C-alpha atoms as a PDB file:
ATOM      1  CA  UNK A   1      14.627  68.975  11.890  1.00  0.00           C
ATOM      2  CA  UNK A   2      13.043  67.226  14.974  1.00  0.00           C
ATOM      3  CA  UNK A   3      15.366  66.570  17.851  1.00  0.00           C
ATOM      4  CA  UNK A   4      15.833  62.777  18.676  1.00  0.00           C
ATOM      5  CA  UNK A   5      17.290  62.489  22.247  1.00  0.00           C
ATOM      6  CA  UNK A   6      19.050  59.214  22.815  1.00  0.00           C
ATOM      7  CA  UNK A   7      19.616  58.190  19.359  1.00  0.00           C
ATOM      8  CA  UNK A   8      23.174  57.272  19.213  1.00  0.00           C
ATOM      9  CA  UNK A   9      24.673  55.487  16.209  1.00  0.00           C
ATOM     10  CA  UNK A  10      28.436  55.123  15.162  1.00  0.00           C
ATOM     11  CA  UNK A  11      28.965  57.165  11.892  1.00  0.00           C
ATOM     12  CA  UNK A  12      31.434  54.351  10.680  1.00  0.00           C
ATOM     13  CA  UNK A  13      28.584  51.554  10.339  1.00  0.00           C
ATOM     14  CA  UNK A  14      27.085  51.208   6.892  1.00  0.00           C
ATOM     15  CA  UNK A  15      23.532  51.355   8.307  1.00  0.00           C
ATOM     16  CA  UNK A  16      24.363  55.004  10.102  1.00  0.00           C
ATOM     17  CA  UNK A  17      21.471  57.570   9.566  1.00  0.00           C
ATOM     18  CA  UNK A  18      22.248  60.204  12.221  1.00  0.00           C
ATOM     19  CA  UNK A  19      25.095  62.703  13.225  1.00  0.00           C
ATOM     20  CA  UNK A  20      25.539  62.802  16.881  1.00  0.00           C
ATOM     21  CA  UNK A  21      25.376  66.278  18.333  1.00  0.00           C
ATOM     22  CA  UNK A  22      24.781  67.941  21.932  1.00  0.00           C
ATOM     23  CA  UNK A  23      24.228  71.590  23.141  1.00  0.00           C
ATOM     24  CA  UNK A  24      24.647  73.205  26.337  1.00  0.00           C
ATOM     25  CA  UNK A  25      23.701  76.676  27.750  1.00  0.00           C
ATOM     26  CA  UNK A  26      22.051  78.960  30.106  1.00  0.00           C
ATOM     27  CA  UNK A  27      19.734  81.886  29.674  1.00  0.00           C
ATOM     28  CA  UNK A  28      22.423  84.022  28.002  1.00  0.00           C
ATOM     29  CA  UNK A  29      24.907  81.601  26.013  1.00  0.00           C
ATOM     30  CA  UNK A  30      24.576  78.205  24.215  1.00  0.00           C
ATOM     31  CA  UNK A  31      27.265  76.277  22.507  1.00  0.00           C
ATOM     32  CA  UNK A  32      26.503  73.138  20.335  1.00  0.00           C
ATOM     33  CA  UNK A  33      28.843  70.656  19.105  1.00  0.00           C
ATOM     34  CA  UNK A  34      28.743  67.960  16.106  1.00  0.00           C
ATOM     35  CA  UNK A  35      30.794  65.239  17.525  1.00  0.00           C
ATOM     36  CA  UNK A  36      31.005  63.254  14.089  1.00  0.00           C
ATOM     37  CA  UNK A  37      32.736  65.978  12.400  1.00  0.00           C
ATOM     38  CA  UNK A  38      34.458  68.078  15.229  1.00  0.00           C
ATOM     39  CA  UNK A  39      32.380  71.403  14.584  1.00  0.00           C
ATOM     40  CA  UNK A  40      31.081  73.859  17.041  1.00  0.00           C
ATOM     41  CA  UNK A  41      28.876  77.068  17.113  1.00  0.00           C
ATOM     42  CA  UNK A  42      27.406  79.610  19.808  1.00  0.00           C
ATOM     43  CA  UNK A  43      24.461  81.461  20.051  1.00  0.00           C
ATOM     44  CA  UNK A  44      22.040  82.993  22.516  1.00  0.00           C
ATOM     45  CA  UNK A  45      19.318  80.244  22.500  1.00  0.00           C
ATOM     46  CA  UNK A  46      19.039  76.388  21.747  1.00  0.00           C
ATOM     47  CA  UNK A  47      16.914  76.984  18.687  1.00  0.00           C
ATOM     48  CA  UNK A  48      19.695  79.198  17.319  1.00  0.00           C
ATOM     49  CA  UNK A  49      22.615  76.967  17.942  1.00  0.00           C
ATOM     50  CA  UNK A  50      20.392  74.097  16.720  1.00  0.00           C
ATOM     51  CA  UNK A  51      20.019  75.794  13.301  1.00  0.00           C
ATOM     52  CA  UNK A  52      23.568  77.142  13.159  1.00  0.00           C
ATOM     53  CA  UNK A  53      25.174  73.444  13.742  1.00  0.00           C
ATOM     54  CA  UNK A  54      22.717  72.206  11.033  1.00  0.00           C
ATOM     55  CA  UNK A  55      23.892  74.965   8.631  1.00  0.00           C
ATOM     56  CA  UNK A  56      27.426  74.207   9.646  1.00  0.00           C
ATOM     57  CA  UNK A  57      27.389  70.293   8.883  1.00  0.00           C
ATOM     58  CA  UNK A  58      25.376  71.134   5.546  1.00  0.00           C
ATOM     59  CA  UNK A  59      28.252  73.314   4.674  1.00  0.00           C
ATOM     60  CA  UNK A  60      31.042  71.139   5.801  1.00  0.00           C
ATOM     61  CA  UNK A  61      29.422  68.155   3.872  1.00  0.00           C
ATOM     62  CA  UNK A  62      28.806  70.153   0.734  1.00  0.00           C
ATOM     63  CA  UNK A  63      32.729  71.353   0.865  1.00  0.00           C
ATOM     64  CA  UNK A  64      33.604  67.763   1.543  1.00  0.00           C
ATOM     65  CA  UNK A  65      31.817  66.628  -1.467  1.00  0.00           C
ATOM     66  CA  UNK A  66      33.954  68.672  -3.784  1.00  0.00           C
ATOM     67  CA  UNK A  67      37.178  66.963  -2.555  1.00  0.00           C
ATOM     68  CA  UNK A  68      39.116  64.023  -4.068  1.00  0.00           C
ATOM     69  CA  UNK A  69      38.013  60.734  -2.690  1.00  0.00           C
ATOM     70  CA  UNK A  70      41.106  60.434  -0.224  1.00  0.00           C
ATOM     71  CA  UNK A  71      40.467  63.744   1.289  1.00  0.00           C
ATOM     72  CA  UNK A  72      36.753  63.172   1.322  1.00  0.00           C
ATOM     73  CA  UNK A  73      37.027  59.861   3.025  1.00  0.00           C
ATOM     74  CA  UNK A  74      39.583  61.302   5.832  1.00  0.00           C
ATOM     75  CA  UNK A  75      37.383  64.347   6.597  1.00  0.00           C
ATOM     76  CA  UNK A  76      34.135  62.202   6.895  1.00  0.00           C
ATOM     77  CA  UNK A  77      36.019  60.046   9.463  1.00  0.00           C
ATOM     78  CA  UNK A  78      37.162  63.332  11.542  1.00  0.00           C
ATOM     79  CA  UNK A  79      35.961  63.082  15.016  1.00  0.00           C
ATOM     80  CA  UNK A  80      35.867  65.351  18.055  1.00  0.00           C
ATOM     81  CA  UNK A  81      38.511  64.183  20.329  1.00  0.00           C
ATOM     82  CA  UNK A  82      37.698  61.745  23.288  1.00  0.00           C
ATOM     83  CA  UNK A  83      37.371  64.539  25.780  1.00  0.00           C
ATOM     84  CA  UNK A  84      34.840  66.402  23.898  1.00  0.00           C
ATOM     85  CA  UNK A  85      32.793  63.030  23.518  1.00  0.00           C
ATOM     86  CA  UNK A  86      33.163  62.518  27.522  1.00  0.00           C
ATOM     87  CA  UNK A  87      32.621  65.981  28.365  1.00  0.00           C
ATOM     88  CA  UNK A  88      28.636  65.761  28.445  1.00  0.00           C
ATOM     89  CA  UNK A  89      28.728  62.595  30.213  1.00  0.00           C
ATOM     90  CA  UNK A  90      31.195  63.936  32.950  1.00  0.00           C
ATOM     91  CA  UNK A  91      29.255  67.101  33.343  1.00  0.00           C
ATOM     92  CA  UNK A  92      25.741  65.401  33.762  1.00  0.00           C
ATOM     93  CA  UNK A  93      27.358  63.006  36.283  1.00  0.00           C
ATOM     94  CA  UNK A  94      29.030  65.805  37.970  1.00  0.00           C
ATOM     95  CA  UNK A  95      25.816  68.028  38.147  1.00  0.00           C
ATOM     96  CA  UNK A  96      23.816  64.929  39.512  1.00  0.00           C
ATOM     97  CA  UNK A  97      26.078  64.354  42.215  1.00  0.00           C
ATOM     98  CA  UNK A  98      26.862  67.965  43.246  1.00  0.00           C
ATOM     99  CA  UNK A  99      23.391  69.817  42.131  1.00  0.00           C
ATOM    100  CA  UNK A 100      25.477  72.703  41.638  1.00  0.00           C
ATOM    101  CA  UNK A 101      25.281  72.954  37.566  1.00  0.00           C
ATOM    102  CA  UNK A 102      22.449  75.157  36.298  1.00  0.00           C
ATOM    103  CA  UNK A 103      23.247  74.543  32.808  1.00  0.00           C
ATOM    104  CA  UNK A 104      20.757  73.016  30.301  1.00  0.00           C
ATOM    105  CA  UNK A 105      21.653  70.450  27.914  1.00  0.00           C
ATOM    106  CA  UNK A 106      20.178  68.589  24.732  1.00  0.00           C
ATOM    107  CA  UNK A 107      21.468  65.889  22.873  1.00  0.00           C
ATOM    108  CA  UNK A 108      20.134  65.567  19.478  1.00  0.00           C
ATOM    109  CA  UNK A 109      20.720  64.199  15.920  1.00  0.00           C
ATOM    110  CA  UNK A 110      20.770  65.185  12.292  1.00  0.00           C
ATOM    111  CA  UNK A 111      20.075  62.994   9.204  1.00  0.00           C
ATOM    112  CA  UNK A 112      23.099  61.690   7.875  1.00  0.00           C
ATOM    113  CA  UNK A 113      21.858  60.607   4.518  1.00  0.00           C
ATOM    114  CA  UNK A 114      24.371  63.030   2.521  1.00  0.00           C
ATOM    115  CA  UNK A 115      27.504  61.912   4.781  1.00  0.00           C
ATOM    116  CA  UNK A 116      26.720  58.278   4.074  1.00  0.00           C
ATOM    117  CA  UNK A 117      26.247  58.875   0.525  1.00  0.00           C
ATOM    118  CA  UNK A 118      29.693  60.288   0.275  1.00  0.00           C
ATOM    119  CA  UNK A 119      31.623  57.773   2.067  1.00  0.00           C
END
């Protein structure tokens, strides 16, 4: 999957075609987060966490697909807490002001054609 930085779309909209994710890390450890479904993974490199998160989202969506409609709807609307959504922005602003943060960050999206067809 190709990284598409800066593409932010609301999952609740009927025209949604992306799942919003971000990753941050350094030379030894990376974490990646799916904001739409409150999923997280860890790994040693950005490509590793990207692949792990992509897989976690696929597994989540496959599991949700097998649930009754009410449960499916509830889980597809599950979001990461506001603090998780704001965290990358706050860290980016802080690092820009202080120049003390050496962590690398990536914002990326995953296609959501499966999620939108289940809603």
